[in-house]
Amino acid sequence: MRVKVAEEHSQQELRVSAAHITRKEALLTLQKTKTEHPYVEINPKICNGSPVISGTRTRIVDVAIEYEYLNHTPDEIINAHPHLKLEQIHDALSYYYENRAELDKKIKEDKQRIQKLRNSKQ
């Protein structure tokens, strides 16, 4: 009887382990899947190819700065930019988080360029 219980327990552990691997693989697949961003546009003729909210010159990095660094809510961002809609802001933030390393690099470069300009005028 003990052997049978041990075998059943072992089989149950294998099923749980297999389910866990499947879940883990599914999460990895989702992480690799890129979301479509209908409100984000990249055009070399607009803002030097920096991603912008479609139909505007509002850069994704500017929205990210307002949200991440200035702690503005999406509603506050819309109040500051009344030509934008809430869904555009959320899509911009989603794009930012999917491409965070690249866009944070752009933010850092812009900040350094501004600092250089300030220093050269003094």
PDB file of N, CA and C in Angstrom:
ATOM      1  N   MET A   1       0.819  -1.197   0.000  1.00  0.00           N
ATOM      2  CA  MET A   1       0.000   0.000   0.000  1.00  0.00           C
ATOM      3  C   MET A   1       0.859   1.255   0.000  1.00  0.00           C
ATOM      4  N   ARG A   2       1.961   1.243   0.807  1.00  0.00           N
ATOM      5  CA  ARG A   2       2.841   2.398   0.865  1.00  0.00           C
ATOM      6  C   ARG A   2       3.491   2.678  -0.484  1.00  0.00           C
ATOM      7  N   VAL A   3       3.865   1.641  -1.206  1.00  0.00           N
ATOM      8  CA  VAL A   3       4.504   1.787  -2.503  1.00  0.00           C
ATOM      9  C   VAL A   3       3.541   2.471  -3.470  1.00  0.00           C
ATOM     10  N   LYS A   4       2.284   2.050  -3.447  1.00  0.00           N
ATOM     11  CA  LYS A   4       1.284   2.626  -4.341  1.00  0.00           C
ATOM     12  C   LYS A   4       1.080   4.112  -4.018  1.00  0.00           C
ATOM     13  N   VAL A   5       0.988   4.465  -2.755  1.00  0.00           N
ATOM     14  CA  VAL A   5       0.820   5.862  -2.350  1.00  0.00           C
ATOM     15  C   VAL A   5       2.040   6.662  -2.788  1.00  0.00           C
ATOM     16  N   ALA A   6       3.233   6.100  -2.607  1.00  0.00           N
ATOM     17  CA  ALA A   6       4.462   6.787  -3.000  1.00  0.00           C
ATOM     18  C   ALA A   6       4.498   7.017  -4.502  1.00  0.00           C
ATOM     19  N   GLU A   7       4.077   5.992  -5.285  1.00  0.00           N
ATOM     20  CA  GLU A   7       4.046   6.139  -6.745  1.00  0.00           C
ATOM     21  C   GLU A   7       3.054   7.224  -7.157  1.00  0.00           C
ATOM     22  N   GLU A   8       1.861   7.238  -6.550  1.00  0.00           N
ATOM     23  CA  GLU A   8       0.859   8.244  -6.878  1.00  0.00           C
ATOM     24  C   GLU A   8       1.366   9.642  -6.528  1.00  0.00           C
ATOM     25  N   HIS A   9       2.013   9.766  -5.381  1.00  0.00           N
ATOM     26  CA  HIS A   9       2.561  11.054  -4.964  1.00  0.00           C
ATOM     27  C   HIS A   9       3.634  11.515  -5.953  1.00  0.00           C
ATOM     28  N   SER A  10       4.494  10.586  -6.391  1.00  0.00           N
ATOM     29  CA  SER A  10       5.559  10.899  -7.335  1.00  0.00           C
ATOM     30  C   SER A  10       4.979  11.352  -8.680  1.00  0.00           C
ATOM     31  N   GLN A  11       3.928  10.669  -9.136  1.00  0.00           N
ATOM     32  CA  GLN A  11       3.277  11.047 -10.397  1.00  0.00           C
ATOM     33  C   GLN A  11       2.631  12.422 -10.282  1.00  0.00           C
ATOM     34  N   GLN A  12       2.044  12.700  -9.135  1.00  0.00           N
ATOM     35  CA  GLN A  12       1.420  14.000  -8.909  1.00  0.00           C
ATOM     36  C   GLN A  12       2.482  15.107  -8.939  1.00  0.00           C
ATOM     37  N   GLU A  13       3.640  14.853  -8.325  1.00  0.00           N
ATOM     38  CA  GLU A  13       4.728  15.829  -8.342  1.00  0.00           C
ATOM     39  C   GLU A  13       5.193  16.092  -9.760  1.00  0.00           C
ATOM     40  N   LEU A  14       5.279  15.038 -10.586  1.00  0.00           N
ATOM     41  CA  LEU A  14       5.681  15.204 -11.983  1.00  0.00           C
ATOM     42  C   LEU A  14       4.678  16.067 -12.744  1.00  0.00           C
ATOM     43  N   ARG A  15       3.366  15.840 -12.507  1.00  0.00           N
ATOM     44  CA  ARG A  15       2.352  16.645 -13.185  1.00  0.00           C
ATOM     45  C   ARG A  15       2.457  18.106 -12.768  1.00  0.00           C
ATOM     46  N   VAL A  16       2.652  18.353 -11.488  1.00  0.00           N
ATOM     47  CA  VAL A  16       2.795  19.733 -10.994  1.00  0.00           C
ATOM     48  C   VAL A  16       4.035  20.359 -11.595  1.00  0.00           C
ATOM     49  N   SER A  17       5.142  19.593 -11.637  1.00  0.00           N
ATOM     50  CA  SER A  17       6.381  20.108 -12.193  1.00  0.00           C
ATOM     51  C   SER A  17       6.216  20.424 -13.677  1.00  0.00           C
ATOM     52  N   ALA A  18       5.556  19.544 -14.424  1.00  0.00           N
ATOM     53  CA  ALA A  18       5.326  19.773 -15.845  1.00  0.00           C
ATOM     54  C   ALA A  18       4.441  21.000 -16.057  1.00  0.00           C
ATOM     55  N   ALA A  19       3.428  21.167 -15.220  1.00  0.00           N
ATOM     56  CA  ALA A  19       2.560  22.340 -15.328  1.00  0.00           C
ATOM     57  C   ALA A  19       3.339  23.613 -15.038  1.00  0.00           C
ATOM     58  N   HIS A  20       4.241  23.542 -14.072  1.00  0.00           N
ATOM     59  CA  HIS A  20       5.066  24.702 -13.725  1.00  0.00           C
ATOM     60  C   HIS A  20       5.977  25.083 -14.888  1.00  0.00           C
ATOM     61  N   ILE A  21       6.594  24.108 -15.517  1.00  0.00           N
ATOM     62  CA  ILE A  21       7.465  24.378 -16.673  1.00  0.00           C
ATOM     63  C   ILE A  21       6.651  24.989 -17.795  1.00  0.00           C
ATOM     64  N   THR A  22       5.481  24.461 -18.049  1.00  0.00           N
ATOM     65  CA  THR A  22       4.631  24.984 -19.107  1.00  0.00           C
ATOM     66  C   THR A  22       4.260  26.437 -18.816  1.00  0.00           C
ATOM     67  N   ARG A  23       3.918  26.750 -17.582  1.00  0.00           N
ATOM     68  CA  ARG A  23       3.585  28.116 -17.201  1.00  0.00           C
ATOM     69  C   ARG A  23       4.790  29.034 -17.387  1.00  0.00           C
ATOM     70  N   LYS A  24       5.957  28.532 -16.974  1.00  0.00           N
ATOM     71  CA  LYS A  24       7.182  29.315 -17.093  1.00  0.00           C
ATOM     72  C   LYS A  24       7.492  29.586 -18.566  1.00  0.00           C
ATOM     73  N   GLU A  25       7.354  28.578 -19.390  1.00  0.00           N
ATOM     74  CA  GLU A  25       7.585  28.754 -20.829  1.00  0.00           C
ATOM     75  C   GLU A  25       6.590  29.744 -21.422  1.00  0.00           C
ATOM     76  N   ALA A  26       5.349  29.681 -20.972  1.00  0.00           N
ATOM     77  CA  ALA A  26       4.335  30.608 -21.461  1.00  0.00           C
ATOM     78  C   ALA A  26       4.677  32.043 -21.083  1.00  0.00           C
ATOM     79  N   LEU A  27       5.154  32.245 -19.857  1.00  0.00           N
ATOM     80  CA  LEU A  27       5.548  33.591 -19.422  1.00  0.00           C
ATOM     81  C   LEU A  27       6.714  34.118 -20.245  1.00  0.00           C
ATOM     82  N   LEU A  28       7.684  33.256 -20.521  1.00  0.00           N
ATOM     83  CA  LEU A  28       8.821  33.676 -21.338  1.00  0.00           C
ATOM     84  C   LEU A  28       8.380  34.050 -22.742  1.00  0.00           C
ATOM     85  N   THR A  29       7.452  33.288 -23.287  1.00  0.00           N
ATOM     86  CA  THR A  29       6.923  33.590 -24.614  1.00  0.00           C
ATOM     87  C   THR A  29       6.206  34.936 -24.610  1.00  0.00           C
ATOM     88  N   LEU A  30       5.403  35.184 -23.577  1.00  0.00           N
ATOM     89  CA  LEU A  30       4.701  36.464 -23.483  1.00  0.00           C
ATOM     90  C   LEU A  30       5.676  37.624 -23.361  1.00  0.00           C
ATOM     91  N   GLN A  31       6.753  37.429 -22.617  1.00  0.00           N
ATOM     92  CA  GLN A  31       7.734  38.494 -22.453  1.00  0.00           C
ATOM     93  C   GLN A  31       8.428  38.824 -23.769  1.00  0.00           C
ATOM     94  N   LYS A  32       8.570  37.836 -24.640  1.00  0.00           N
ATOM     95  CA  LYS A  32       9.220  38.054 -25.932  1.00  0.00           C
ATOM     96  C   LYS A  32       8.258  38.635 -26.962  1.00  0.00           C
ATOM     97  N   THR A  33       6.962  38.512 -26.710  1.00  0.00           N
ATOM     98  CA  THR A  33       5.958  38.995 -27.642  1.00  0.00           C
ATOM     99  C   THR A  33       5.880  40.512 -27.561  1.00  0.00           C
ATOM    100  N   LYS A  34       5.976  41.155 -28.702  1.00  0.00           N
ATOM    101  CA  LYS A  34       5.878  42.616 -28.747  1.00  0.00           C
ATOM    102  C   LYS A  34       4.420  43.002 -28.964  1.00  0.00           C
ATOM    103  N   THR A  35       4.008  44.010 -28.224  1.00  0.00           N
ATOM    104  CA  THR A  35       2.660  44.530 -28.339  1.00  0.00           C
ATOM    105  C   THR A  35       2.594  45.486 -29.520  1.00  0.00           C
ATOM    106  N   GLU A  36       1.483  45.508 -30.192  1.00  0.00           N
ATOM    107  CA  GLU A  36       1.292  46.513 -31.236  1.00  0.00           C
ATOM    108  C   GLU A  36       0.933  47.823 -30.548  1.00  0.00           C
ATOM    109  N   HIS A  37       1.457  48.892 -31.068  1.00  0.00           N
ATOM    110  CA  HIS A  37       1.221  50.210 -30.493  1.00  0.00           C
ATOM    111  C   HIS A  37       0.609  51.122 -31.564  1.00  0.00           C
ATOM    112  N   PRO A  38      -0.714  51.149 -31.630  1.00  0.00           N
ATOM    113  CA  PRO A  38      -1.371  51.926 -32.689  1.00  0.00           C
ATOM    114  C   PRO A  38      -1.187  53.430 -32.550  1.00  0.00           C
ATOM    115  N   TYR A  39      -0.787  53.904 -31.390  1.00  0.00           N
ATOM    116  CA  TYR A  39      -0.637  55.342 -31.179  1.00  0.00           C
ATOM    117  C   TYR A  39       0.818  55.798 -31.199  1.00  0.00           C
ATOM    118  N   VAL A  40       1.726  54.892 -31.550  1.00  0.00           N
ATOM    119  CA  VAL A  40       3.142  55.237 -31.588  1.00  0.00           C
ATOM    120  C   VAL A  40       3.626  55.194 -33.032  1.00  0.00           C
ATOM    121  N   GLU A  41       4.387  56.219 -33.398  1.00  0.00           N
ATOM    122  CA  GLU A  41       4.892  56.329 -34.757  1.00  0.00           C
ATOM    123  C   GLU A  41       6.386  56.654 -34.705  1.00  0.00           C
ATOM    124  N   ILE A  42       7.135  56.036 -35.608  1.00  0.00           N
ATOM    125  CA  ILE A  42       8.551  56.367 -35.752  1.00  0.00           C
ATOM    126  C   ILE A  42       8.759  56.780 -37.202  1.00  0.00           C
ATOM    127  N   ASN A  43       9.139  58.037 -37.378  1.00  0.00           N
ATOM    128  CA  ASN A  43       9.329  58.596 -38.706  1.00  0.00           C
ATOM    129  C   ASN A  43      10.593  59.445 -38.659  1.00  0.00           C
ATOM    130  N   PRO A  44      11.576  59.141 -39.516  1.00  0.00           N
ATOM    131  CA  PRO A  44      12.826  59.906 -39.479  1.00  0.00           C
ATOM    132  C   PRO A  44      12.633  61.401 -39.717  1.00  0.00           C
ATOM    133  N   LYS A  45      11.524  61.800 -40.313  1.00  0.00           N
ATOM    134  CA  LYS A  45      11.261  63.218 -40.582  1.00  0.00           C
ATOM    135  C   LYS A  45      10.626  63.936 -39.391  1.00  0.00           C
ATOM    136  N   ILE A  46      10.223  63.177 -38.380  1.00  0.00           N
ATOM    137  CA  ILE A  46       9.578  63.770 -37.205  1.00  0.00           C
ATOM    138  C   ILE A  46      10.471  63.543 -35.988  1.00  0.00           C
ATOM    139  N   CYS A  47      10.896  64.623 -35.362  1.00  0.00           N
ATOM    140  CA  CYS A  47      11.732  64.563 -34.140  1.00  0.00           C
ATOM    141  C   CYS A  47      12.951  63.664 -34.316  1.00  0.00           C
ATOM    142  N   ASN A  48      13.578  63.754 -35.477  1.00  0.00           N
ATOM    143  CA  ASN A  48      14.794  62.965 -35.776  1.00  0.00           C
ATOM    144  C   ASN A  48      14.596  61.469 -35.584  1.00  0.00           C
ATOM    145  N   GLY A  49      13.399  60.973 -35.831  1.00  0.00           N
ATOM    146  CA  GLY A  49      13.144  59.540 -35.732  1.00  0.00           C
ATOM    147  C   GLY A  49      12.852  59.037 -34.331  1.00  0.00           C
ATOM    148  N   SER A  50      12.743  59.954 -33.378  1.00  0.00           N
ATOM    149  CA  SER A  50      12.383  59.554 -32.021  1.00  0.00           C
ATOM    150  C   SER A  50      10.919  59.112 -32.022  1.00  0.00           C
ATOM    151  N   PRO A  51      10.574  58.033 -31.326  1.00  0.00           N
ATOM    152  CA  PRO A  51       9.169  57.599 -31.297  1.00  0.00           C
ATOM    153  C   PRO A  51       8.273  58.704 -30.732  1.00  0.00           C
ATOM    154  N   VAL A  52       7.165  58.944 -31.419  1.00  0.00           N
ATOM    155  CA  VAL A  52       6.208  59.977 -31.017  1.00  0.00           C
ATOM    156  C   VAL A  52       4.804  59.395 -30.980  1.00  0.00           C
ATOM    157  N   ILE A  53       3.906  60.133 -30.359  1.00  0.00           N
ATOM    158  CA  ILE A  53       2.492  59.766 -30.420  1.00  0.00           C
ATOM    159  C   ILE A  53       2.009  60.127 -31.817  1.00  0.00           C
ATOM    160  N   SER A  54       1.415  59.172 -32.499  1.00  0.00           N
ATOM    161  CA  SER A  54       0.991  59.340 -33.889  1.00  0.00           C
ATOM    162  C   SER A  54       0.194  60.624 -34.094  1.00  0.00           C
ATOM    163  N   GLY A  55       0.540  61.317 -35.180  1.00  0.00           N
ATOM    164  CA  GLY A  55      -0.173  62.534 -35.539  1.00  0.00           C
ATOM    165  C   GLY A  55       0.237  63.755 -34.735  1.00  0.00           C
ATOM    166  N   THR A  56       1.255  63.587 -33.882  1.00  0.00           N
ATOM    167  CA  THR A  56       1.731  64.702 -33.050  1.00  0.00           C
ATOM    168  C   THR A  56       3.257  64.725 -33.106  1.00  0.00           C
ATOM    169  N   ARG A  57       3.827  65.707 -32.446  1.00  0.00           N
ATOM    170  CA  ARG A  57       5.272  65.753 -32.263  1.00  0.00           C
ATOM    171  C   ARG A  57       5.624  65.488 -30.794  1.00  0.00           C
ATOM    172  N   THR A  58       4.696  64.908 -30.062  1.00  0.00           N
ATOM    173  CA  THR A  58       4.910  64.588 -28.652  1.00  0.00           C
ATOM    174  C   THR A  58       5.712  63.298 -28.568  1.00  0.00           C
ATOM    175  N   ARG A  59       6.941  63.419 -28.076  1.00  0.00           N
ATOM    176  CA  ARG A  59       7.824  62.261 -28.012  1.00  0.00           C
ATOM    177  C   ARG A  59       7.436  61.335 -26.854  1.00  0.00           C
ATOM    178  N   ILE A  60       7.639  60.052 -27.070  1.00  0.00           N
ATOM    179  CA  ILE A  60       7.364  59.052 -26.037  1.00  0.00           C
ATOM    180  C   ILE A  60       8.240  59.314 -24.817  1.00  0.00           C
ATOM    181  N   VAL A  61       9.496  59.718 -25.035  1.00  0.00           N
ATOM    182  CA  VAL A  61      10.377  59.973 -23.890  1.00  0.00           C
ATOM    183  C   VAL A  61       9.856  61.136 -23.055  1.00  0.00           C
ATOM    184  N   ASP A  62       9.215  62.110 -23.665  1.00  0.00           N
ATOM    185  CA  ASP A  62       8.672  63.236 -22.900  1.00  0.00           C
ATOM    186  C   ASP A  62       7.509  62.796 -22.020  1.00  0.00           C
ATOM    187  N   VAL A  63       6.675  61.930 -22.551  1.00  0.00           N
ATOM    188  CA  VAL A  63       5.579  61.379 -21.752  1.00  0.00           C
ATOM    189  C   VAL A  63       6.154  60.559 -20.600  1.00  0.00           C
ATOM    190  N   ALA A  64       7.172  59.750 -20.900  1.00  0.00           N
ATOM    191  CA  ALA A  64       7.809  58.916 -19.869  1.00  0.00           C
ATOM    192  C   ALA A  64       8.442  59.775 -18.776  1.00  0.00           C
ATOM    193  N   ILE A  65       9.079  60.874 -19.159  1.00  0.00           N
ATOM    194  CA  ILE A  65       9.689  61.767 -18.166  1.00  0.00           C
ATOM    195  C   ILE A  65       8.618  62.349 -17.253  1.00  0.00           C
ATOM    196  N   GLU A  66       7.526  62.793 -17.853  1.00  0.00           N
ATOM    197  CA  GLU A  66       6.450  63.361 -17.033  1.00  0.00           C
ATOM    198  C   GLU A  66       5.886  62.326 -16.065  1.00  0.00           C
ATOM    199  N   TYR A  67       5.757  61.092 -16.524  1.00  0.00           N
ATOM    200  CA  TYR A  67       5.169  60.040 -15.693  1.00  0.00           C
ATOM    201  C   TYR A  67       6.166  59.519 -14.655  1.00  0.00           C
ATOM    202  N   GLU A  68       7.357  59.140 -15.117  1.00  0.00           N
ATOM    203  CA  GLU A  68       8.347  58.484 -14.252  1.00  0.00           C
ATOM    204  C   GLU A  68       9.092  59.449 -13.339  1.00  0.00           C
ATOM    205  N   TYR A  69       9.535  60.574 -13.883  1.00  0.00           N
ATOM    206  CA  TYR A  69      10.420  61.462 -13.135  1.00  0.00           C
ATOM    207  C   TYR A  69       9.686  62.620 -12.463  1.00  0.00           C
ATOM    208  N   LEU A  70       8.614  63.077 -13.084  1.00  0.00           N
ATOM    209  CA  LEU A  70       7.852  64.184 -12.499  1.00  0.00           C
ATOM    210  C   LEU A  70       6.635  63.687 -11.721  1.00  0.00           C
ATOM    211  N   ASN A  71       6.405  62.376 -11.763  1.00  0.00           N
ATOM    212  CA  ASN A  71       5.309  61.729 -11.032  1.00  0.00           C
ATOM    213  C   ASN A  71       3.929  62.268 -11.388  1.00  0.00           C
ATOM    214  N   HIS A  72       3.753  62.619 -12.655  1.00  0.00           N
ATOM    215  CA  HIS A  72       2.429  63.043 -13.110  1.00  0.00           C
ATOM    216  C   HIS A  72       1.592  61.814 -13.443  1.00  0.00           C
ATOM    217  N   THR A  73       0.319  61.877 -13.153  1.00  0.00           N
ATOM    218  CA  THR A  73      -0.599  60.797 -13.521  1.00  0.00           C
ATOM    219  C   THR A  73      -0.945  60.957 -15.003  1.00  0.00           C
ATOM    220  N   PRO A  74      -1.471  59.911 -15.637  1.00  0.00           N
ATOM    221  CA  PRO A  74      -1.910  60.070 -17.019  1.00  0.00           C
ATOM    222  C   PRO A  74      -2.918  61.216 -17.185  1.00  0.00           C
ATOM    223  N   ASP A  75      -3.817  61.399 -16.223  1.00  0.00           N
ATOM    224  CA  ASP A  75      -4.772  62.512 -16.304  1.00  0.00           C
ATOM    225  C   ASP A  75      -4.070  63.862 -16.254  1.00  0.00           C
ATOM    226  N   GLU A  76      -3.046  63.977 -15.426  1.00  0.00           N
ATOM    227  CA  GLU A  76      -2.290  65.230 -15.348  1.00  0.00           C
ATOM    228  C   GLU A  76      -1.529  65.491 -16.644  1.00  0.00           C
ATOM    229  N   ILE A  77      -1.038  64.435 -17.266  1.00  0.00           N
ATOM    230  CA  ILE A  77      -0.342  64.587 -18.544  1.00  0.00           C
ATOM    231  C   ILE A  77      -1.315  65.088 -19.606  1.00  0.00           C
ATOM    232  N   ILE A  78      -2.528  64.563 -19.605  1.00  0.00           N
ATOM    233  CA  ILE A  78      -3.544  65.020 -20.564  1.00  0.00           C
ATOM    234  C   ILE A  78      -3.897  66.482 -20.308  1.00  0.00           C
ATOM    235  N   ASN A  79      -3.996  66.870 -19.051  1.00  0.00           N
ATOM    236  CA  ASN A  79      -4.286  68.272 -18.739  1.00  0.00           C
ATOM    237  C   ASN A  79      -3.190  69.192 -19.276  1.00  0.00           C
ATOM    238  N   ALA A  80      -1.945  68.727 -19.238  1.00  0.00           N
ATOM    239  CA  ALA A  80      -0.822  69.515 -19.746  1.00  0.00           C
ATOM    240  C   ALA A  80      -0.753  69.493 -21.278  1.00  0.00           C
ATOM    241  N   HIS A  81      -1.334  68.465 -21.877  1.00  0.00           N
ATOM    242  CA  HIS A  81      -1.315  68.286 -23.339  1.00  0.00           C
ATOM    243  C   HIS A  81      -2.740  67.976 -23.808  1.00  0.00           C
ATOM    244  N   PRO A  82      -3.616  68.970 -23.846  1.00  0.00           N
ATOM    245  CA  PRO A  82      -5.037  68.702 -24.136  1.00  0.00           C
ATOM    246  C   PRO A  82      -5.311  68.122 -25.528  1.00  0.00           C
ATOM    247  N   HIS A  83      -4.329  68.136 -26.403  1.00  0.00           N
ATOM    248  CA  HIS A  83      -4.512  67.547 -27.731  1.00  0.00           C
ATOM    249  C   HIS A  83      -4.384  66.014 -27.701  1.00  0.00           C
ATOM    250  N   LEU A  84      -3.975  65.466 -26.547  1.00  0.00           N
ATOM    251  CA  LEU A  84      -3.813  64.017 -26.426  1.00  0.00           C
ATOM    252  C   LEU A  84      -5.010  63.376 -25.751  1.00  0.00           C
ATOM    253  N   LYS A  85      -5.162  62.067 -26.003  1.00  0.00           N
ATOM    254  CA  LYS A  85      -6.228  61.280 -25.366  1.00  0.00           C
ATOM    255  C   LYS A  85      -5.594  60.279 -24.400  1.00  0.00           C
ATOM    256  N   LEU A  86      -6.389  59.835 -23.448  1.00  0.00           N
ATOM    257  CA  LEU A  86      -5.902  58.908 -22.431  1.00  0.00           C
ATOM    258  C   LEU A  86      -5.312  57.639 -23.039  1.00  0.00           C
ATOM    259  N   GLU A  87      -5.956  57.102 -24.061  1.00  0.00           N
ATOM    260  CA  GLU A  87      -5.445  55.870 -24.667  1.00  0.00           C
ATOM    261  C   GLU A  87      -4.085  56.092 -25.329  1.00  0.00           C
ATOM    262  N   GLN A  88      -3.834  57.299 -25.822  1.00  0.00           N
ATOM    263  CA  GLN A  88      -2.526  57.600 -26.400  1.00  0.00           C
ATOM    264  C   GLN A  88      -1.441  57.607 -25.316  1.00  0.00           C
ATOM    265  N   ILE A  89      -1.776  58.173 -24.168  1.00  0.00           N
ATOM    266  CA  ILE A  89      -0.816  58.220 -23.061  1.00  0.00           C
ATOM    267  C   ILE A  89      -0.488  56.809 -22.580  1.00  0.00           C
ATOM    268  N   HIS A  90      -1.501  55.986 -22.416  1.00  0.00           N
ATOM    269  CA  HIS A  90      -1.267  54.613 -21.947  1.00  0.00           C
ATOM    270  C   HIS A  90      -0.462  53.813 -22.966  1.00  0.00           C
ATOM    271  N   ASP A  91      -0.736  54.006 -24.241  1.00  0.00           N
ATOM    272  CA  ASP A  91       0.031  53.305 -25.266  1.00  0.00           C
ATOM    273  C   ASP A  91       1.480  53.798 -25.272  1.00  0.00           C
ATOM    274  N   ALA A  92       1.678  55.092 -25.092  1.00  0.00           N
ATOM    275  CA  ALA A  92       3.027  55.650 -25.038  1.00  0.00           C
ATOM    276  C   ALA A  92       3.797  55.058 -23.864  1.00  0.00           C
ATOM    277  N   LEU A  93       3.151  54.954 -22.715  1.00  0.00           N
ATOM    278  CA  LEU A  93       3.814  54.383 -21.537  1.00  0.00           C
ATOM    279  C   LEU A  93       4.107  52.893 -21.731  1.00  0.00           C
ATOM    280  N   SER A  94       3.189  52.187 -22.358  1.00  0.00           N
ATOM    281  CA  SER A  94       3.413  50.776 -22.646  1.00  0.00           C
ATOM    282  C   SER A  94       4.626  50.609 -23.568  1.00  0.00           C
ATOM    283  N   TYR A  95       4.694  51.446 -24.586  1.00  0.00           N
ATOM    284  CA  TYR A  95       5.840  51.406 -25.509  1.00  0.00           C
ATOM    285  C   TYR A  95       7.130  51.715 -24.747  1.00  0.00           C
ATOM    286  N   TYR A  96       7.072  52.706 -23.887  1.00  0.00           N
ATOM    287  CA  TYR A  96       8.253  53.065 -23.089  1.00  0.00           C
ATOM    288  C   TYR A  96       8.731  51.871 -22.262  1.00  0.00           C
ATOM    289  N   TYR A  97       7.826  51.204 -21.565  1.00  0.00           N
ATOM    290  CA  TYR A  97       8.238  50.087 -20.709  1.00  0.00           C
ATOM    291  C   TYR A  97       8.763  48.907 -21.517  1.00  0.00           C
ATOM    292  N   GLU A  98       8.253  48.704 -22.715  1.00  0.00           N
ATOM    293  CA  GLU A  98       8.769  47.628 -23.561  1.00  0.00           C
ATOM    294  C   GLU A  98      10.154  47.950 -24.105  1.00  0.00           C
ATOM    295  N   ASN A  99      10.466  49.229 -24.226  1.00  0.00           N
ATOM    296  CA  ASN A  99      11.732  49.667 -24.816  1.00  0.00           C
ATOM    297  C   ASN A  99      12.521  50.543 -23.843  1.00  0.00           C
ATOM    298  N   ARG A 100      12.387  50.235 -22.575  1.00  0.00           N
ATOM    299  CA  ARG A 100      12.901  51.112 -21.520  1.00  0.00           C
ATOM    300  C   ARG A 100      14.400  51.369 -21.615  1.00  0.00           C
ATOM    301  N   ALA A 101      15.196  50.353 -21.822  1.00  0.00           N
ATOM    302  CA  ALA A 101      16.656  50.533 -21.852  1.00  0.00           C
ATOM    303  C   ALA A 101      17.051  51.523 -22.952  1.00  0.00           C
ATOM    304  N   GLU A 102      16.511  51.328 -24.120  1.00  0.00           N
ATOM    305  CA  GLU A 102      16.826  52.199 -25.262  1.00  0.00           C
ATOM    306  C   GLU A 102      16.346  53.630 -25.013  1.00  0.00           C
ATOM    307  N   LEU A 103      15.141  53.785 -24.499  1.00  0.00           N
ATOM    308  CA  LEU A 103      14.587  55.120 -24.289  1.00  0.00           C
ATOM    309  C   LEU A 103      15.230  55.818 -23.091  1.00  0.00           C
ATOM    310  N   ASP A 104      15.597  55.075 -22.058  1.00  0.00           N
ATOM    311  CA  ASP A 104      16.322  55.678 -20.933  1.00  0.00           C
ATOM    312  C   ASP A 104      17.680  56.197 -21.390  1.00  0.00           C
ATOM    313  N   LYS A 105      18.299  55.482 -22.321  1.00  0.00           N
ATOM    314  CA  LYS A 105      19.567  55.934 -22.894  1.00  0.00           C
ATOM    315  C   LYS A 105      19.356  57.267 -23.623  1.00  0.00           C
ATOM    316  N   LYS A 106      18.269  57.360 -24.372  1.00  0.00           N
ATOM    317  CA  LYS A 106      17.940  58.595 -25.094  1.00  0.00           C
ATOM    318  C   LYS A 106      17.702  59.741 -24.107  1.00  0.00           C
ATOM    319  N   ILE A 107      16.995  59.475 -23.026  1.00  0.00           N
ATOM    320  CA  ILE A 107      16.734  60.497 -22.001  1.00  0.00           C
ATOM    321  C   ILE A 107      18.055  60.986 -21.412  1.00  0.00           C
ATOM    322  N   LYS A 108      18.954  60.057 -21.130  1.00  0.00           N
ATOM    323  CA  LYS A 108      20.256  60.410 -20.557  1.00  0.00           C
ATOM    324  C   LYS A 108      21.068  61.257 -21.536  1.00  0.00           C
ATOM    325  N   GLU A 109      21.077  60.864 -22.804  1.00  0.00           N
ATOM    326  CA  GLU A 109      21.803  61.623 -23.827  1.00  0.00           C
ATOM    327  C   GLU A 109      21.240  63.036 -23.962  1.00  0.00           C
ATOM    328  N   ASP A 110      19.921  63.167 -23.965  1.00  0.00           N
ATOM    329  CA  ASP A 110      19.279  64.483 -24.060  1.00  0.00           C
ATOM    330  C   ASP A 110      19.659  65.350 -22.863  1.00  0.00           C
ATOM    331  N   LYS A 111      19.665  64.753 -21.692  1.00  0.00           N
ATOM    332  CA  LYS A 111      20.012  65.486 -20.473  1.00  0.00           C
ATOM    333  C   LYS A 111      21.460  65.981 -20.545  1.00  0.00           C
ATOM    334  N   GLN A 112      22.370  65.137 -21.029  1.00  0.00           N
ATOM    335  CA  GLN A 112      23.770  65.521 -21.161  1.00  0.00           C
ATOM    336  C   GLN A 112      23.936  66.644 -22.187  1.00  0.00           C
ATOM    337  N   ARG A 113      23.206  66.578 -23.290  1.00  0.00           N
ATOM    338  CA  ARG A 113      23.270  67.610 -24.327  1.00  0.00           C
ATOM    339  C   ARG A 113      22.782  68.949 -23.771  1.00  0.00           C
ATOM    340  N   ILE A 114      21.725  68.926 -23.005  1.00  0.00           N
ATOM    341  CA  ILE A 114      21.197  70.151 -22.384  1.00  0.00           C
ATOM    342  C   ILE A 114      22.219  70.725 -21.401  1.00  0.00           C
ATOM    343  N   GLN A 115      22.853  69.849 -20.619  1.00  0.00           N
ATOM    344  CA  GLN A 115      23.850  70.315 -19.653  1.00  0.00           C
ATOM    345  C   GLN A 115      25.036  70.952 -20.360  1.00  0.00           C
ATOM    346  N   LYS A 116      25.463  70.371 -21.484  1.00  0.00           N
ATOM    347  CA  LYS A 116      26.570  70.932 -22.263  1.00  0.00           C
ATOM    348  C   LYS A 116      26.201  72.336 -22.770  1.00  0.00           C
ATOM    349  N   LEU A 117      24.980  72.478 -23.269  1.00  0.00           N
ATOM    350  CA  LEU A 117      24.527  73.792 -23.744  1.00  0.00           C
ATOM    351  C   LEU A 117      24.518  74.814 -22.620  1.00  0.00           C
ATOM    352  N   ARG A 118      24.059  74.418 -21.457  1.00  0.00           N
ATOM    353  CA  ARG A 118      24.048  75.315 -20.310  1.00  0.00           C
ATOM    354  C   ARG A 118      25.460  75.749 -19.936  1.00  0.00           C
ATOM    355  N   ASN A 119      26.356  74.794 -19.910  1.00  0.00           N
ATOM    356  CA  ASN A 119      27.747  75.078 -19.546  1.00  0.00           C
ATOM    357  C   ASN A 119      28.435  75.983 -20.570  1.00  0.00           C
ATOM    358  N   SER A 120      28.102  75.819 -21.837  1.00  0.00           N
ATOM    359  CA  SER A 120      28.749  76.625 -22.881  1.00  0.00           C
ATOM    360  C   SER A 120      28.260  78.078 -22.861  1.00  0.00           C
ATOM    361  N   LYS A 121      27.069  78.331 -22.311  1.00  0.00           N
ATOM    362  CA  LYS A 121      26.521  79.682 -22.251  1.00  0.00           C
ATOM    363  C   LYS A 121      27.002  80.452 -21.027  1.00  0.00           C
ATOM    364  N   GLN A 122      27.646  79.781 -20.109  1.00  0.00           N
ATOM    365  CA  GLN A 122      28.088  80.454 -18.870  1.00  0.00           C
ATOM    366  C   GLN A 122      29.447  81.064 -19.024  1.00  0.00           C
TER     367      GLN A 122
END
